[in-house]
Amino acid sequence: MLLQGVEVEKAWRELWNELHHQNDVDTASYAAVPALVHIYELRGVPHYNTYALVTTIELARQNGRNPDLPENLRAAYEAAWQKLVEIGLRELKAANTEPLVSCIIAVLAIAKGQRDLGWFATNYDESERREILERAEVI
């Protein structure tokens, strides 16, 4: 469905429901990452969902409650992450919607070891980030 661009929103709802639930993921989620990135690359239509779901899976993977990344999935998973970083760097230049910009930044931040920045970029929109900064009396 995603690759053909048919019922895209329905496909994304199903993927989110099946691959992530309240910060829980499993090895099927890890196995899906290379396929998600491959489909995203083939479609060539900038959209935040791939960035957001892959980021969410990666953050959940390392939260201490989910299974380790199996060794047999590691190479494909890491290659998919690298590919998504490359795509994100290209797409960031023309990105002009808040969700797309935030989710690309999340992928780039996590890839550079900035997990907390990635989490904030994925989980809060600009108005929520501003509210946090105002409460902290930073701005």
N, C-alpha and C. Protein backbone atom coordinates (compact mmCIF):
# COMPACT_ATOMS: atom_id res chain seq x y z
N MET A 1 0.81 -1.19 0.00
CA MET A 1 0.00 0.00 0.00
C MET A 1 0.86 1.26 0.00
N LEU A 2 1.88 1.30 0.84
CA LEU A 2 2.73 2.49 0.90
C LEU A 2 3.46 2.72 -0.41
N LEU A 3 4.05 1.68 -0.94
CA LEU A 3 4.85 1.83 -2.15
C LEU A 3 4.00 2.34 -3.31
N GLN A 4 2.79 1.86 -3.42
CA GLN A 4 1.90 2.28 -4.50
C GLN A 4 1.22 3.62 -4.20
N GLY A 5 1.33 4.09 -2.98
CA GLY A 5 0.68 5.35 -2.61
C GLY A 5 -0.83 5.21 -2.45
N VAL A 6 -1.28 4.00 -2.16
CA VAL A 6 -2.71 3.72 -2.01
C VAL A 6 -3.04 3.59 -0.52
N GLU A 7 -4.07 4.28 -0.08
CA GLU A 7 -4.51 4.25 1.31
C GLU A 7 -3.32 4.44 2.27
N VAL A 8 -2.55 5.46 1.99
CA VAL A 8 -1.31 5.72 2.73
C VAL A 8 -1.58 5.96 4.21
N GLU A 9 -2.55 6.77 4.53
CA GLU A 9 -2.84 7.06 5.95
C GLU A 9 -3.26 5.79 6.69
N LYS A 10 -4.05 4.96 6.06
CA LYS A 10 -4.45 3.69 6.67
C LYS A 10 -3.22 2.80 6.89
N ALA A 11 -2.35 2.75 5.92
CA ALA A 11 -1.13 1.94 6.04
C ALA A 11 -0.28 2.43 7.21
N TRP A 12 -0.15 3.76 7.34
CA TRP A 12 0.65 4.30 8.44
C TRP A 12 0.02 4.00 9.80
N ARG A 13 -1.30 4.10 9.89
CA ARG A 13 -1.96 3.76 11.16
C ARG A 13 -1.66 2.31 11.54
N GLU A 14 -1.75 1.42 10.58
CA GLU A 14 -1.48 0.01 10.85
C GLU A 14 -0.03 -0.22 11.24
N LEU A 15 0.89 0.43 10.54
CA LEU A 15 2.31 0.28 10.88
C LEU A 15 2.60 0.79 12.29
N TRP A 16 2.09 1.96 12.62
CA TRP A 16 2.30 2.50 13.97
C TRP A 16 1.72 1.55 15.01
N ASN A 17 0.53 1.03 14.77
CA ASN A 17 -0.11 0.12 15.74
C ASN A 17 0.64 -1.19 15.89
N GLU A 18 1.16 -1.71 14.80
CA GLU A 18 1.81 -3.01 14.82
C GLU A 18 3.27 -2.96 15.28
N LEU A 19 3.94 -1.86 15.00
CA LEU A 19 5.39 -1.80 15.26
C LEU A 19 5.76 -1.06 16.53
N HIS A 20 4.80 -0.41 17.17
CA HIS A 20 5.13 0.36 18.36
C HIS A 20 3.87 0.51 19.21
N HIS A 21 4.03 0.26 20.50
CA HIS A 21 2.90 0.45 21.41
C HIS A 21 3.43 0.88 22.77
N GLN A 22 3.17 2.10 23.16
CA GLN A 22 3.57 2.64 24.46
C GLN A 22 5.04 2.36 24.77
N ASN A 23 5.89 2.74 23.85
CA ASN A 23 7.34 2.57 23.96
C ASN A 23 7.80 1.12 23.95
N ASP A 24 6.94 0.22 23.55
CA ASP A 24 7.31 -1.18 23.40
C ASP A 24 7.48 -1.52 21.93
N VAL A 25 8.59 -2.17 21.62
CA VAL A 25 8.86 -2.67 20.28
C VAL A 25 9.42 -4.09 20.43
N ASP A 26 9.47 -4.80 19.32
CA ASP A 26 10.09 -6.13 19.36
C ASP A 26 10.94 -6.31 18.11
N THR A 27 11.43 -7.50 17.91
CA THR A 27 12.35 -7.72 16.79
C THR A 27 11.67 -7.49 15.44
N ALA A 28 10.36 -7.67 15.36
CA ALA A 28 9.66 -7.37 14.10
C ALA A 28 9.77 -5.89 13.77
N SER A 29 9.76 -5.05 14.79
CA SER A 29 9.93 -3.61 14.57
C SER A 29 11.31 -3.33 13.99
N TYR A 30 12.32 -3.98 14.53
CA TYR A 30 13.68 -3.78 14.03
C TYR A 30 13.80 -4.28 12.59
N ALA A 31 13.18 -5.40 12.32
CA ALA A 31 13.23 -5.98 10.97
C ALA A 31 12.50 -5.10 9.96
N ALA A 32 11.51 -4.34 10.41
CA ALA A 32 10.73 -3.48 9.51
C ALA A 32 11.49 -2.23 9.09
N VAL A 33 12.46 -1.79 9.88
CA VAL A 33 13.15 -0.54 9.59
C VAL A 33 13.79 -0.53 8.20
N PRO A 34 14.54 -1.54 7.80
CA PRO A 34 15.11 -1.52 6.45
C PRO A 34 14.04 -1.45 5.35
N ALA A 35 12.94 -2.15 5.54
CA ALA A 35 11.86 -2.11 4.55
C ALA A 35 11.23 -0.73 4.49
N LEU A 36 10.99 -0.12 5.64
CA LEU A 36 10.40 1.22 5.68
C LEU A 36 11.28 2.24 4.96
N VAL A 37 12.57 2.18 5.22
CA VAL A 37 13.49 3.13 4.59
C VAL A 37 13.58 2.87 3.09
N HIS A 38 13.60 1.61 2.69
CA HIS A 38 13.66 1.26 1.27
C HIS A 38 12.42 1.78 0.53
N ILE A 39 11.26 1.55 1.09
CA ILE A 39 10.01 2.03 0.49
C ILE A 39 10.02 3.56 0.42
N TYR A 40 10.46 4.19 1.49
CA TYR A 40 10.52 5.66 1.51
C TYR A 40 11.42 6.17 0.39
N GLU A 41 12.56 5.55 0.24
CA GLU A 41 13.50 5.98 -0.80
C GLU A 41 12.89 5.77 -2.19
N LEU A 42 12.25 4.65 -2.41
CA LEU A 42 11.64 4.37 -3.72
C LEU A 42 10.51 5.34 -4.04
N ARG A 43 9.68 5.66 -3.05
CA ARG A 43 8.56 6.57 -3.28
C ARG A 43 9.04 7.97 -3.61
N GLY A 44 10.07 8.43 -2.93
CA GLY A 44 10.61 9.75 -3.21
C GLY A 44 9.67 10.91 -2.88
N VAL A 45 8.76 10.67 -1.94
CA VAL A 45 7.81 11.71 -1.52
C VAL A 45 8.13 12.08 -0.08
N PRO A 46 8.70 13.27 0.15
CA PRO A 46 9.05 13.66 1.52
C PRO A 46 7.83 13.65 2.44
N HIS A 47 7.96 12.96 3.56
CA HIS A 47 6.89 12.88 4.54
C HIS A 47 7.51 12.50 5.88
N TYR A 48 6.92 12.96 6.94
CA TYR A 48 7.50 12.77 8.27
C TYR A 48 7.35 11.36 8.84
N ASN A 49 6.37 10.58 8.42
CA ASN A 49 6.07 9.33 9.10
C ASN A 49 7.23 8.34 9.16
N THR A 50 7.96 8.17 8.08
CA THR A 50 9.09 7.23 8.12
C THR A 50 10.11 7.69 9.15
N TYR A 51 10.46 8.96 9.11
CA TYR A 51 11.42 9.49 10.08
C TYR A 51 10.90 9.28 11.51
N ALA A 52 9.65 9.61 11.74
CA ALA A 52 9.08 9.52 13.09
C ALA A 52 9.03 8.08 13.59
N LEU A 53 8.58 7.16 12.76
CA LEU A 53 8.47 5.77 13.21
C LEU A 53 9.84 5.13 13.42
N VAL A 54 10.76 5.37 12.52
CA VAL A 54 12.11 4.81 12.68
C VAL A 54 12.78 5.39 13.92
N THR A 55 12.60 6.67 14.15
CA THR A 55 13.13 7.31 15.36
C THR A 55 12.51 6.70 16.61
N THR A 56 11.21 6.53 16.60
CA THR A 56 10.51 5.97 17.75
C THR A 56 10.98 4.55 18.04
N ILE A 57 11.17 3.76 17.00
CA ILE A 57 11.68 2.39 17.18
C ILE A 57 13.08 2.42 17.76
N GLU A 58 13.93 3.29 17.25
CA GLU A 58 15.31 3.37 17.75
C GLU A 58 15.34 3.83 19.21
N LEU A 59 14.56 4.83 19.55
CA LEU A 59 14.54 5.29 20.94
C LEU A 59 14.01 4.20 21.87
N ALA A 60 12.99 3.48 21.45
CA ALA A 60 12.44 2.39 22.26
C ALA A 60 13.42 1.23 22.37
N ARG A 61 14.17 1.01 21.30
CA ARG A 61 15.15 -0.10 21.30
C ARG A 61 16.13 0.04 22.45
N GLN A 62 16.47 1.25 22.78
CA GLN A 62 17.51 1.46 23.79
C GLN A 62 16.97 1.94 25.12
N ASN A 63 15.69 1.73 25.38
CA ASN A 63 15.13 2.20 26.65
C ASN A 63 15.26 1.19 27.79
N GLY A 64 15.85 0.02 27.52
CA GLY A 64 16.08 -0.97 28.56
C GLY A 64 14.93 -1.92 28.80
N ARG A 65 13.80 -1.72 28.15
CA ARG A 65 12.64 -2.59 28.35
C ARG A 65 12.36 -3.49 27.15
N ASN A 66 13.03 -3.23 26.06
CA ASN A 66 12.75 -3.95 24.82
C ASN A 66 13.91 -4.88 24.47
N PRO A 67 13.64 -5.86 23.60
CA PRO A 67 14.71 -6.80 23.26
C PRO A 67 15.87 -6.12 22.54
N ASP A 68 17.04 -6.72 22.67
CA ASP A 68 18.20 -6.23 21.94
C ASP A 68 18.00 -6.45 20.45
N LEU A 69 18.71 -5.68 19.68
CA LEU A 69 18.71 -5.86 18.24
C LEU A 69 19.43 -7.16 17.92
N PRO A 70 18.74 -8.14 17.33
CA PRO A 70 19.40 -9.41 17.03
C PRO A 70 20.57 -9.22 16.06
N GLU A 71 21.60 -9.98 16.25
CA GLU A 71 22.80 -9.86 15.44
C GLU A 71 22.49 -10.05 13.95
N ASN A 72 21.55 -10.94 13.63
CA ASN A 72 21.24 -11.19 12.22
C ASN A 72 20.49 -10.03 11.55
N LEU A 73 20.00 -9.06 12.33
CA LEU A 73 19.33 -7.89 11.78
C LEU A 73 20.20 -6.63 11.82
N ARG A 74 21.31 -6.70 12.55
CA ARG A 74 22.13 -5.52 12.81
C ARG A 74 22.62 -4.81 11.55
N ALA A 75 23.21 -5.52 10.62
CA ALA A 75 23.79 -4.88 9.43
C ALA A 75 22.72 -4.16 8.62
N ALA A 76 21.60 -4.80 8.38
CA ALA A 76 20.53 -4.18 7.59
C ALA A 76 19.92 -2.99 8.33
N TYR A 77 19.76 -3.13 9.64
CA TYR A 77 19.19 -2.06 10.45
C TYR A 77 20.10 -0.84 10.43
N GLU A 78 21.38 -1.04 10.65
CA GLU A 78 22.33 0.07 10.66
C GLU A 78 22.48 0.70 9.29
N ALA A 79 22.45 -0.11 8.23
CA ALA A 79 22.52 0.44 6.87
C ALA A 79 21.28 1.28 6.57
N ALA A 80 20.12 0.83 7.03
CA ALA A 80 18.89 1.59 6.82
C ALA A 80 18.97 2.93 7.54
N TRP A 81 19.49 2.92 8.76
CA TRP A 81 19.65 4.17 9.49
C TRP A 81 20.56 5.12 8.73
N GLN A 82 21.68 4.62 8.24
CA GLN A 82 22.61 5.46 7.49
C GLN A 82 21.94 6.02 6.23
N LYS A 83 21.17 5.19 5.55
CA LYS A 83 20.46 5.64 4.35
C LYS A 83 19.44 6.74 4.70
N LEU A 84 18.72 6.56 5.80
CA LEU A 84 17.73 7.56 6.20
C LEU A 84 18.41 8.88 6.58
N VAL A 85 19.58 8.81 7.18
CA VAL A 85 20.34 10.03 7.48
C VAL A 85 20.70 10.74 6.18
N GLU A 86 21.18 9.98 5.19
CA GLU A 86 21.54 10.58 3.89
C GLU A 86 20.33 11.22 3.22
N ILE A 87 19.21 10.53 3.23
CA ILE A 87 17.99 11.07 2.65
C ILE A 87 17.57 12.33 3.42
N GLY A 88 17.63 12.26 4.74
CA GLY A 88 17.26 13.40 5.57
C GLY A 88 18.10 14.63 5.29
N LEU A 89 19.39 14.43 5.13
CA LEU A 89 20.27 15.56 4.82
C LEU A 89 19.86 16.22 3.50
N ARG A 90 19.50 15.41 2.52
CA ARG A 90 19.05 15.96 1.23
C ARG A 90 17.71 16.67 1.37
N GLU A 91 16.78 16.05 2.08
CA GLU A 91 15.42 16.59 2.16
C GLU A 91 15.29 17.78 3.09
N LEU A 92 16.19 17.92 4.04
CA LEU A 92 16.08 19.02 5.00
C LEU A 92 16.13 20.38 4.31
N LYS A 93 16.91 20.48 3.28
CA LYS A 93 17.07 21.75 2.57
C LYS A 93 15.74 22.30 2.07
N ALA A 94 14.87 21.43 1.55
CA ALA A 94 13.59 21.88 1.00
C ALA A 94 12.41 21.65 1.94
N ALA A 95 12.64 21.00 3.07
CA ALA A 95 11.55 20.70 4.01
C ALA A 95 10.93 21.99 4.51
N ASN A 96 9.59 22.04 4.52
CA ASN A 96 8.95 23.28 4.95
C ASN A 96 7.74 23.07 5.84
N THR A 97 7.53 21.85 6.32
CA THR A 97 6.46 21.63 7.29
C THR A 97 7.11 21.28 8.63
N GLU A 98 6.46 21.71 9.69
CA GLU A 98 7.02 21.47 11.03
C GLU A 98 7.26 19.99 11.33
N PRO A 99 6.29 19.10 11.03
CA PRO A 99 6.55 17.69 11.35
C PRO A 99 7.73 17.11 10.57
N LEU A 100 7.84 17.47 9.29
CA LEU A 100 8.94 16.93 8.49
C LEU A 100 10.28 17.45 8.99
N VAL A 101 10.39 18.74 9.21
CA VAL A 101 11.64 19.32 9.71
C VAL A 101 12.01 18.71 11.06
N SER A 102 11.06 18.64 11.97
CA SER A 102 11.33 18.10 13.31
C SER A 102 11.78 16.65 13.25
N CYS A 103 11.12 15.86 12.42
CA CYS A 103 11.45 14.43 12.37
C CYS A 103 12.77 14.16 11.66
N ILE A 104 13.09 14.96 10.66
CA ILE A 104 14.42 14.84 10.04
C ILE A 104 15.48 15.20 11.07
N ILE A 105 15.27 16.30 11.79
CA ILE A 105 16.24 16.71 12.81
C ILE A 105 16.39 15.62 13.88
N ALA A 106 15.29 14.96 14.22
CA ALA A 106 15.36 13.87 15.20
C ALA A 106 16.27 12.75 14.71
N VAL A 107 16.12 12.36 13.46
CA VAL A 107 16.96 11.30 12.90
C VAL A 107 18.42 11.73 12.91
N LEU A 108 18.68 12.95 12.47
CA LEU A 108 20.06 13.43 12.44
C LEU A 108 20.65 13.51 13.84
N ALA A 109 19.88 13.99 14.79
CA ALA A 109 20.36 14.10 16.16
C ALA A 109 20.70 12.73 16.74
N ILE A 110 19.81 11.78 16.57
CA ILE A 110 20.05 10.43 17.11
C ILE A 110 21.26 9.80 16.43
N ALA A 111 21.38 9.99 15.14
CA ALA A 111 22.54 9.45 14.41
C ALA A 111 23.85 10.03 14.93
N LYS A 112 23.80 11.24 15.46
CA LYS A 112 24.99 11.89 16.01
C LYS A 112 25.12 11.70 17.52
N GLY A 113 24.31 10.80 18.08
CA GLY A 113 24.42 10.49 19.51
C GLY A 113 23.66 11.43 20.41
N GLN A 114 22.82 12.29 19.84
CA GLN A 114 22.05 13.25 20.63
C GLN A 114 20.63 12.73 20.81
N ARG A 115 20.49 11.66 21.58
CA ARG A 115 19.20 10.97 21.75
C ARG A 115 18.13 11.86 22.38
N ASP A 116 18.48 12.64 23.38
CA ASP A 116 17.49 13.50 24.03
C ASP A 116 16.95 14.55 23.06
N LEU A 117 17.83 15.15 22.29
CA LEU A 117 17.40 16.12 21.28
C LEU A 117 16.47 15.43 20.27
N GLY A 118 16.83 14.22 19.86
CA GLY A 118 15.98 13.47 18.95
C GLY A 118 14.61 13.19 19.54
N TRP A 119 14.59 12.85 20.82
CA TRP A 119 13.32 12.57 21.50
C TRP A 119 12.44 13.82 21.52
N PHE A 120 13.04 14.96 21.91
CA PHE A 120 12.26 16.21 21.96
C PHE A 120 11.78 16.61 20.57
N ALA A 121 12.62 16.46 19.57
CA ALA A 121 12.22 16.83 18.21
C ALA A 121 11.07 15.97 17.72
N THR A 122 11.05 14.71 18.09
CA THR A 122 10.00 13.79 17.65
C THR A 122 8.72 13.95 18.44
N ASN A 123 8.82 14.18 19.74
CA ASN A 123 7.66 14.09 20.62
C ASN A 123 6.98 15.41 20.97
N TYR A 124 7.62 16.54 20.64
CA TYR A 124 7.01 17.83 20.93
C TYR A 124 6.99 18.68 19.67
N ASP A 125 5.88 19.38 19.46
CA ASP A 125 5.85 20.31 18.35
C ASP A 125 6.44 21.65 18.82
N GLU A 126 6.54 22.61 17.91
CA GLU A 126 7.20 23.87 18.22
C GLU A 126 6.52 24.62 19.37
N SER A 127 5.20 24.61 19.41
CA SER A 127 4.51 25.33 20.49
C SER A 127 4.78 24.66 21.84
N GLU A 128 4.86 23.35 21.87
CA GLU A 128 5.16 22.64 23.13
C GLU A 128 6.60 22.89 23.57
N ARG A 129 7.53 22.92 22.62
CA ARG A 129 8.92 23.22 22.97
C ARG A 129 9.04 24.64 23.52
N ARG A 130 8.32 25.59 22.88
CA ARG A 130 8.34 26.97 23.35
C ARG A 130 7.80 27.06 24.77
N GLU A 131 6.71 26.35 25.04
CA GLU A 131 6.11 26.36 26.38
C GLU A 131 7.11 25.82 27.41
N ILE A 132 7.82 24.78 27.10
CA ILE A 132 8.83 24.22 28.01
C ILE A 132 9.91 25.26 28.28
N LEU A 133 10.37 25.93 27.24
CA LEU A 133 11.42 26.94 27.40
C LEU A 133 10.91 28.14 28.20
N GLU A 134 9.66 28.53 27.97
CA GLU A 134 9.10 29.65 28.74
C GLU A 134 8.97 29.29 30.21
N ARG A 135 8.51 28.08 30.52
CA ARG A 135 8.41 27.64 31.92
C ARG A 135 9.78 27.58 32.59
N ALA A 136 10.78 27.23 31.81
CA ALA A 136 12.15 27.19 32.35
C ALA A 136 12.78 28.58 32.40
N GLU A 137 11.99 29.58 31.93
CA GLU A 137 12.44 30.97 31.89
C GLU A 137 13.71 31.15 31.08
N VAL A 138 13.80 30.37 30.00
CA VAL A 138 14.93 30.47 29.09
C VAL A 138 14.65 31.52 28.03
N ILE A 139 13.37 31.66 27.67
CA ILE A 139 13.01 32.67 26.67
C ILE A 139 11.90 33.56 27.23
